[in-house]
Amino acid sequence: MKTHHIGRHTLIYGDDDVSTMIYRGPVSCDEMRAVLATEDLSNVPDAVLLICDMREFGGMDGETRRLGATNPKPAKRYFTAYLGGGFSMRVFVNMWNRATNFIHGEKYVAGFFEDEASARAWLLSQREAFEREDKH
């Protein structure tokens, strides 16, 4: 396991290939740059598994969202499990995924969960299904 502290936020790369991003308060542009700098784009798996803990998320401005959105996305599929996302977060994520998938093909899949164990189990099952699908 590898842990990065980025301002008030924490990014954990798990031994089971599930990463966890814990947000605490608003995300600044500098913090987004630091998060993106932790990514090893030369060694990205086909399926990226991420838990986003939004229970203490304080939002981000448009410039910060754009910075995150324009970062290269070399994986074939991105599975994201959200913890604590309220109604507006769910609407935003679903709209974002639909628009992005329309442009880039079916690349982004999201789910919303009440606890980390359920989120992790869903992510691992999504990867397993993706790997079976990808072999054919």
N, C-alpha and C. Protein backbone atom coordinates (compact mmCIF):
# COMPACT_ATOMS: atom_id res chain seq x y z
N MET A 1 0.84 -1.17 0.00
CA MET A 1 0.00 0.00 0.00
C MET A 1 0.89 1.24 0.00
N LYS A 2 0.47 2.23 -0.76
CA LYS A 2 1.23 3.47 -0.88
C LYS A 2 0.27 4.63 -0.62
N THR A 3 0.64 5.55 0.27
CA THR A 3 -0.23 6.65 0.65
C THR A 3 0.42 7.99 0.32
N HIS A 4 -0.38 8.89 -0.28
CA HIS A 4 0.06 10.26 -0.58
C HIS A 4 -0.88 11.22 0.14
N HIS A 5 -0.33 12.16 0.89
CA HIS A 5 -1.12 13.21 1.52
C HIS A 5 -0.99 14.45 0.65
N ILE A 6 -2.13 14.95 0.19
CA ILE A 6 -2.16 16.08 -0.72
C ILE A 6 -3.04 17.15 -0.08
N GLY A 7 -2.41 18.11 0.56
CA GLY A 7 -3.19 19.08 1.33
C GLY A 7 -3.95 18.33 2.40
N ARG A 8 -5.26 18.56 2.46
CA ARG A 8 -6.12 17.86 3.43
C ARG A 8 -6.56 16.49 2.93
N HIS A 9 -6.29 16.17 1.69
CA HIS A 9 -6.80 14.97 1.04
C HIS A 9 -5.77 13.83 1.11
N THR A 10 -6.26 12.61 0.93
CA THR A 10 -5.38 11.44 0.99
C THR A 10 -5.67 10.54 -0.20
N LEU A 11 -4.63 10.10 -0.88
CA LEU A 11 -4.73 9.14 -1.98
C LEU A 11 -3.98 7.89 -1.57
N ILE A 12 -4.68 6.77 -1.59
CA ILE A 12 -4.09 5.50 -1.17
C ILE A 12 -4.15 4.53 -2.34
N TYR A 13 -2.99 4.01 -2.73
CA TYR A 13 -2.92 2.96 -3.74
C TYR A 13 -2.93 1.63 -3.00
N GLY A 14 -4.01 0.87 -3.11
CA GLY A 14 -4.16 -0.38 -2.38
C GLY A 14 -3.44 -1.54 -3.03
N ASP A 15 -3.14 -2.54 -2.23
CA ASP A 15 -2.47 -3.73 -2.73
C ASP A 15 -3.35 -4.58 -3.64
N ASP A 16 -4.67 -4.36 -3.59
CA ASP A 16 -5.60 -5.11 -4.44
C ASP A 16 -5.93 -4.35 -5.73
N ASP A 17 -5.12 -3.34 -6.05
CA ASP A 17 -5.29 -2.49 -7.24
C ASP A 17 -6.47 -1.54 -7.15
N VAL A 18 -7.08 -1.42 -5.96
CA VAL A 18 -8.13 -0.43 -5.74
C VAL A 18 -7.48 0.77 -5.07
N SER A 19 -7.61 1.93 -5.70
CA SER A 19 -7.10 3.16 -5.11
C SER A 19 -8.26 3.86 -4.40
N THR A 20 -7.94 4.60 -3.36
CA THR A 20 -8.95 5.34 -2.61
C THR A 20 -8.52 6.79 -2.50
N MET A 21 -9.39 7.70 -2.95
CA MET A 21 -9.16 9.13 -2.82
C MET A 21 -10.13 9.65 -1.78
N ILE A 22 -9.59 10.15 -0.66
CA ILE A 22 -10.41 10.68 0.42
C ILE A 22 -10.32 12.21 0.36
N TYR A 23 -11.45 12.83 0.07
CA TYR A 23 -11.51 14.29 -0.01
C TYR A 23 -11.95 14.87 1.33
N ARG A 24 -11.24 15.91 1.76
CA ARG A 24 -11.59 16.62 2.98
C ARG A 24 -11.60 18.11 2.67
N GLY A 25 -12.76 18.64 2.38
CA GLY A 25 -12.86 20.05 2.04
C GLY A 25 -12.74 20.27 0.54
N PRO A 26 -12.65 21.54 0.13
CA PRO A 26 -12.54 21.86 -1.29
C PRO A 26 -11.20 21.42 -1.87
N VAL A 27 -11.19 21.17 -3.18
CA VAL A 27 -9.96 20.77 -3.90
C VAL A 27 -9.47 21.98 -4.70
N SER A 28 -8.26 22.39 -4.43
CA SER A 28 -7.67 23.52 -5.16
C SER A 28 -6.98 23.02 -6.43
N CYS A 29 -6.66 23.94 -7.31
CA CYS A 29 -5.92 23.59 -8.53
C CYS A 29 -4.57 22.97 -8.19
N ASP A 30 -3.88 23.55 -7.22
CA ASP A 30 -2.58 23.00 -6.82
C ASP A 30 -2.72 21.58 -6.29
N GLU A 31 -3.78 21.33 -5.52
CA GLU A 31 -4.00 19.98 -5.02
C GLU A 31 -4.31 19.02 -6.17
N MET A 32 -5.10 19.45 -7.15
CA MET A 32 -5.40 18.60 -8.30
C MET A 32 -4.12 18.29 -9.06
N ARG A 33 -3.26 19.28 -9.25
CA ARG A 33 -1.97 19.04 -9.92
C ARG A 33 -1.16 17.98 -9.15
N ALA A 34 -1.16 18.09 -7.83
CA ALA A 34 -0.42 17.13 -7.01
C ALA A 34 -1.01 15.72 -7.13
N VAL A 35 -2.34 15.62 -7.15
CA VAL A 35 -2.98 14.31 -7.34
C VAL A 35 -2.56 13.72 -8.68
N LEU A 36 -2.65 14.52 -9.73
CA LEU A 36 -2.31 14.04 -11.07
C LEU A 36 -0.83 13.67 -11.19
N ALA A 37 0.03 14.35 -10.44
CA ALA A 37 1.46 14.06 -10.48
C ALA A 37 1.79 12.70 -9.88
N THR A 38 0.87 12.13 -9.08
CA THR A 38 1.13 10.81 -8.49
C THR A 38 0.89 9.69 -9.49
N GLU A 39 0.20 9.98 -10.60
CA GLU A 39 -0.13 8.94 -11.58
C GLU A 39 1.08 8.57 -12.41
N ASP A 40 1.32 7.28 -12.55
CA ASP A 40 2.38 6.76 -13.41
C ASP A 40 1.73 6.37 -14.74
N LEU A 41 1.69 7.30 -15.68
CA LEU A 41 1.00 7.08 -16.95
C LEU A 41 1.68 6.05 -17.84
N SER A 42 2.91 5.64 -17.49
CA SER A 42 3.61 4.62 -18.27
C SER A 42 3.21 3.21 -17.81
N ASN A 43 2.47 3.12 -16.70
CA ASN A 43 2.14 1.81 -16.15
C ASN A 43 0.67 1.76 -15.70
N VAL A 44 -0.23 2.12 -16.59
CA VAL A 44 -1.65 2.17 -16.26
C VAL A 44 -2.29 0.83 -16.62
N PRO A 45 -3.02 0.23 -15.68
CA PRO A 45 -3.70 -1.03 -16.00
C PRO A 45 -4.83 -0.80 -17.00
N ASP A 46 -5.32 -1.89 -17.61
CA ASP A 46 -6.43 -1.77 -18.55
C ASP A 46 -7.69 -1.24 -17.86
N ALA A 47 -7.89 -1.64 -16.59
CA ALA A 47 -9.05 -1.19 -15.83
C ALA A 47 -8.56 -0.50 -14.56
N VAL A 48 -8.93 0.76 -14.39
CA VAL A 48 -8.57 1.53 -13.20
C VAL A 48 -9.74 1.45 -12.22
N LEU A 49 -9.43 1.13 -10.96
CA LEU A 49 -10.44 0.98 -9.91
C LEU A 49 -10.21 2.04 -8.86
N LEU A 50 -11.23 2.88 -8.61
CA LEU A 50 -11.06 4.00 -7.68
C LEU A 50 -12.28 4.16 -6.79
N ILE A 51 -12.03 4.28 -5.50
CA ILE A 51 -13.06 4.68 -4.54
C ILE A 51 -12.85 6.17 -4.28
N CYS A 52 -13.89 6.96 -4.48
CA CYS A 52 -13.85 8.39 -4.16
C CYS A 52 -14.71 8.60 -2.92
N ASP A 53 -14.07 8.90 -1.80
CA ASP A 53 -14.78 9.15 -0.56
C ASP A 53 -15.17 10.63 -0.54
N MET A 54 -16.45 10.88 -0.80
CA MET A 54 -16.96 12.24 -0.94
C MET A 54 -17.66 12.74 0.32
N ARG A 55 -17.57 12.01 1.42
CA ARG A 55 -18.33 12.35 2.61
C ARG A 55 -17.95 13.71 3.19
N GLU A 56 -16.70 14.16 2.95
CA GLU A 56 -16.27 15.47 3.45
C GLU A 56 -15.83 16.38 2.29
N PHE A 57 -16.24 16.03 1.08
CA PHE A 57 -15.86 16.78 -0.11
C PHE A 57 -16.42 18.19 -0.05
N GLY A 58 -15.59 19.17 -0.37
CA GLY A 58 -16.01 20.57 -0.32
C GLY A 58 -16.11 21.23 -1.68
N GLY A 59 -16.11 20.43 -2.75
CA GLY A 59 -16.26 20.97 -4.09
C GLY A 59 -14.95 21.36 -4.75
N MET A 60 -15.06 21.79 -6.00
CA MET A 60 -13.91 22.31 -6.76
C MET A 60 -14.44 23.25 -7.82
N ASP A 61 -13.63 24.24 -8.15
CA ASP A 61 -14.08 25.22 -9.14
C ASP A 61 -13.89 24.67 -10.55
N GLY A 62 -14.38 25.42 -11.52
CA GLY A 62 -14.33 25.00 -12.92
C GLY A 62 -12.92 24.75 -13.43
N GLU A 63 -11.98 25.61 -13.07
CA GLU A 63 -10.60 25.44 -13.52
C GLU A 63 -10.02 24.12 -13.00
N THR A 64 -10.30 23.79 -11.76
CA THR A 64 -9.81 22.54 -11.17
C THR A 64 -10.44 21.34 -11.86
N ARG A 65 -11.74 21.40 -12.13
CA ARG A 65 -12.42 20.30 -12.85
C ARG A 65 -11.83 20.13 -14.24
N ARG A 66 -11.59 21.24 -14.94
CA ARG A 66 -11.00 21.16 -16.29
C ARG A 66 -9.62 20.52 -16.25
N LEU A 67 -8.82 20.89 -15.26
CA LEU A 67 -7.49 20.31 -15.12
C LEU A 67 -7.57 18.80 -14.97
N GLY A 68 -8.47 18.33 -14.11
CA GLY A 68 -8.64 16.89 -13.92
C GLY A 68 -9.16 16.21 -15.18
N ALA A 69 -10.06 16.88 -15.89
CA ALA A 69 -10.67 16.29 -17.08
C ALA A 69 -9.71 16.20 -18.25
N THR A 70 -8.75 17.11 -18.34
CA THR A 70 -7.85 17.12 -19.49
C THR A 70 -6.61 16.26 -19.29
N ASN A 71 -6.44 15.69 -18.11
CA ASN A 71 -5.32 14.79 -17.87
C ASN A 71 -5.50 13.54 -18.75
N PRO A 72 -4.41 13.01 -19.34
CA PRO A 72 -4.55 11.81 -20.19
C PRO A 72 -5.23 10.67 -19.46
N LYS A 73 -6.07 9.93 -20.19
CA LYS A 73 -6.81 8.79 -19.63
C LYS A 73 -6.50 7.54 -20.47
N PRO A 74 -5.33 6.92 -20.25
CA PRO A 74 -4.89 5.82 -21.12
C PRO A 74 -5.52 4.46 -20.83
N ALA A 75 -6.20 4.27 -19.71
CA ALA A 75 -6.81 2.96 -19.42
C ALA A 75 -7.96 2.69 -20.38
N LYS A 76 -8.28 1.42 -20.57
CA LYS A 76 -9.43 1.07 -21.41
C LYS A 76 -10.73 1.38 -20.70
N ARG A 77 -10.76 1.24 -19.35
CA ARG A 77 -11.99 1.45 -18.60
C ARG A 77 -11.65 2.02 -17.23
N TYR A 78 -12.49 2.93 -16.77
CA TYR A 78 -12.36 3.54 -15.44
C TYR A 78 -13.61 3.23 -14.64
N PHE A 79 -13.45 2.51 -13.54
CA PHE A 79 -14.54 2.18 -12.64
C PHE A 79 -14.36 3.02 -11.38
N THR A 80 -15.37 3.80 -11.03
CA THR A 80 -15.29 4.65 -9.85
C THR A 80 -16.48 4.38 -8.94
N ALA A 81 -16.18 4.10 -7.68
CA ALA A 81 -17.20 3.89 -6.66
C ALA A 81 -17.19 5.10 -5.75
N TYR A 82 -18.32 5.77 -5.63
CA TYR A 82 -18.43 6.98 -4.82
C TYR A 82 -19.06 6.64 -3.47
N LEU A 83 -18.44 7.15 -2.42
CA LEU A 83 -18.99 7.04 -1.07
C LEU A 83 -19.52 8.42 -0.66
N GLY A 84 -20.76 8.47 -0.21
CA GLY A 84 -21.29 9.71 0.34
C GLY A 84 -21.73 10.74 -0.67
N GLY A 85 -21.87 10.38 -1.93
CA GLY A 85 -22.32 11.35 -2.92
C GLY A 85 -23.81 11.61 -2.79
N GLY A 86 -24.19 12.86 -2.58
CA GLY A 86 -25.60 13.23 -2.49
C GLY A 86 -26.24 13.26 -3.87
N PHE A 87 -27.49 13.67 -3.90
CA PHE A 87 -28.26 13.67 -5.14
C PHE A 87 -27.59 14.50 -6.24
N SER A 88 -27.16 15.72 -5.91
CA SER A 88 -26.55 16.58 -6.94
C SER A 88 -25.25 15.97 -7.46
N MET A 89 -24.48 15.33 -6.60
CA MET A 89 -23.24 14.66 -7.04
C MET A 89 -23.58 13.51 -8.00
N ARG A 90 -24.61 12.76 -7.68
CA ARG A 90 -25.01 11.64 -8.54
C ARG A 90 -25.44 12.15 -9.92
N VAL A 91 -26.22 13.21 -9.93
CA VAL A 91 -26.67 13.79 -11.20
C VAL A 91 -25.47 14.26 -12.01
N PHE A 92 -24.55 15.00 -11.35
CA PHE A 92 -23.37 15.51 -12.05
C PHE A 92 -22.53 14.36 -12.62
N VAL A 93 -22.24 13.36 -11.80
CA VAL A 93 -21.40 12.23 -12.25
C VAL A 93 -22.07 11.50 -13.40
N ASN A 94 -23.36 11.25 -13.30
CA ASN A 94 -24.05 10.53 -14.37
C ASN A 94 -24.06 11.33 -15.67
N MET A 95 -24.28 12.64 -15.59
CA MET A 95 -24.24 13.48 -16.79
C MET A 95 -22.83 13.51 -17.38
N TRP A 96 -21.83 13.67 -16.52
CA TRP A 96 -20.42 13.71 -16.96
C TRP A 96 -20.06 12.40 -17.67
N ASN A 97 -20.40 11.27 -17.06
CA ASN A 97 -20.07 9.98 -17.66
C ASN A 97 -20.78 9.79 -19.00
N ARG A 98 -22.05 10.16 -19.08
CA ARG A 98 -22.76 10.02 -20.35
C ARG A 98 -22.10 10.85 -21.45
N ALA A 99 -21.77 12.09 -21.13
CA ALA A 99 -21.15 12.96 -22.13
C ALA A 99 -19.76 12.44 -22.52
N THR A 100 -18.99 12.04 -21.54
CA THR A 100 -17.63 11.55 -21.82
C THR A 100 -17.68 10.24 -22.60
N ASN A 101 -18.58 9.35 -22.23
CA ASN A 101 -18.71 8.07 -22.94
C ASN A 101 -19.21 8.29 -24.37
N PHE A 102 -20.02 9.29 -24.58
CA PHE A 102 -20.48 9.61 -25.93
C PHE A 102 -19.29 10.00 -26.81
N ILE A 103 -18.37 10.76 -26.25
CA ILE A 103 -17.20 11.23 -27.00
C ILE A 103 -16.13 10.15 -27.14
N HIS A 104 -15.84 9.42 -26.06
CA HIS A 104 -14.71 8.50 -26.03
C HIS A 104 -15.10 7.02 -26.08
N GLY A 105 -16.36 6.71 -26.21
CA GLY A 105 -16.79 5.31 -26.13
C GLY A 105 -17.02 4.93 -24.68
N GLU A 106 -17.51 3.74 -24.45
CA GLU A 106 -17.85 3.28 -23.10
C GLU A 106 -16.59 3.09 -22.28
N LYS A 107 -16.16 4.14 -21.61
CA LYS A 107 -14.90 4.11 -20.89
C LYS A 107 -15.08 4.33 -19.39
N TYR A 108 -16.16 4.99 -18.97
CA TYR A 108 -16.35 5.38 -17.57
C TYR A 108 -17.61 4.75 -17.01
N VAL A 109 -17.45 4.08 -15.86
CA VAL A 109 -18.56 3.44 -15.17
C VAL A 109 -18.50 3.87 -13.71
N ALA A 110 -19.64 4.27 -13.14
CA ALA A 110 -19.66 4.73 -11.75
C ALA A 110 -20.78 4.05 -10.98
N GLY A 111 -20.55 3.90 -9.68
CA GLY A 111 -21.56 3.40 -8.77
C GLY A 111 -21.50 4.22 -7.49
N PHE A 112 -22.59 4.21 -6.74
CA PHE A 112 -22.67 4.97 -5.49
C PHE A 112 -22.97 4.01 -4.35
N PHE A 113 -22.23 4.17 -3.25
CA PHE A 113 -22.29 3.20 -2.16
C PHE A 113 -22.30 3.90 -0.81
N GLU A 114 -22.81 3.18 0.18
CA GLU A 114 -22.89 3.70 1.54
C GLU A 114 -21.65 3.34 2.36
N ASP A 115 -20.93 2.28 1.95
CA ASP A 115 -19.77 1.85 2.74
C ASP A 115 -18.65 1.36 1.82
N GLU A 116 -17.44 1.40 2.36
CA GLU A 116 -16.25 1.06 1.57
C GLU A 116 -16.22 -0.41 1.15
N ALA A 117 -16.68 -1.30 2.01
CA ALA A 117 -16.65 -2.73 1.69
C ALA A 117 -17.50 -3.02 0.45
N SER A 118 -18.69 -2.44 0.38
CA SER A 118 -19.57 -2.63 -0.79
C SER A 118 -18.94 -2.03 -2.03
N ALA A 119 -18.34 -0.85 -1.89
CA ALA A 119 -17.70 -0.18 -3.02
C ALA A 119 -16.54 -1.03 -3.56
N ARG A 120 -15.71 -1.54 -2.66
CA ARG A 120 -14.55 -2.35 -3.06
C ARG A 120 -15.01 -3.64 -3.73
N ALA A 121 -16.02 -4.30 -3.16
CA ALA A 121 -16.53 -5.54 -3.76
C ALA A 121 -17.07 -5.28 -5.17
N TRP A 122 -17.80 -4.17 -5.34
CA TRP A 122 -18.33 -3.83 -6.67
C TRP A 122 -17.19 -3.58 -7.66
N LEU A 123 -16.18 -2.83 -7.23
CA LEU A 123 -15.06 -2.55 -8.13
C LEU A 123 -14.36 -3.83 -8.58
N LEU A 124 -14.09 -4.72 -7.65
CA LEU A 124 -13.40 -5.97 -7.99
C LEU A 124 -14.26 -6.83 -8.91
N SER A 125 -15.58 -6.83 -8.71
CA SER A 125 -16.45 -7.61 -9.61
C SER A 125 -16.52 -6.96 -10.99
N GLN A 126 -16.48 -5.63 -11.04
CA GLN A 126 -16.47 -4.93 -12.34
C GLN A 126 -15.19 -5.26 -13.12
N ARG A 127 -14.06 -5.28 -12.41
CA ARG A 127 -12.80 -5.62 -13.08
C ARG A 127 -12.85 -7.04 -13.62
N GLU A 128 -13.36 -7.97 -12.81
CA GLU A 128 -13.46 -9.37 -13.24
C GLU A 128 -14.32 -9.49 -14.50
N ALA A 129 -15.46 -8.83 -14.51
CA ALA A 129 -16.35 -8.86 -15.68
C ALA A 129 -15.68 -8.21 -16.88
N PHE A 130 -14.99 -7.10 -16.67
CA PHE A 130 -14.28 -6.42 -17.76
C PHE A 130 -13.21 -7.32 -18.35
N GLU A 131 -12.44 -8.01 -17.48
CA GLU A 131 -11.38 -8.89 -17.97
C GLU A 131 -11.93 -10.03 -18.79
N ARG A 132 -13.08 -10.60 -18.37
CA ARG A 132 -13.72 -11.67 -19.16
C ARG A 132 -14.16 -11.13 -20.51
N GLU A 133 -14.77 -9.95 -20.50
CA GLU A 133 -15.26 -9.30 -21.73
C GLU A 133 -14.10 -8.95 -22.66
N ASP A 134 -13.00 -8.46 -22.07
CA ASP A 134 -11.85 -8.00 -22.85
C ASP A 134 -11.13 -9.16 -23.54
N LYS A 135 -11.23 -10.35 -23.00
CA LYS A 135 -10.56 -11.52 -23.60
C LYS A 135 -11.26 -11.98 -24.87
N HIS A 136 -12.54 -11.61 -25.02
CA HIS A 136 -13.31 -12.06 -26.18
C HIS A 136 -13.33 -11.08 -27.28
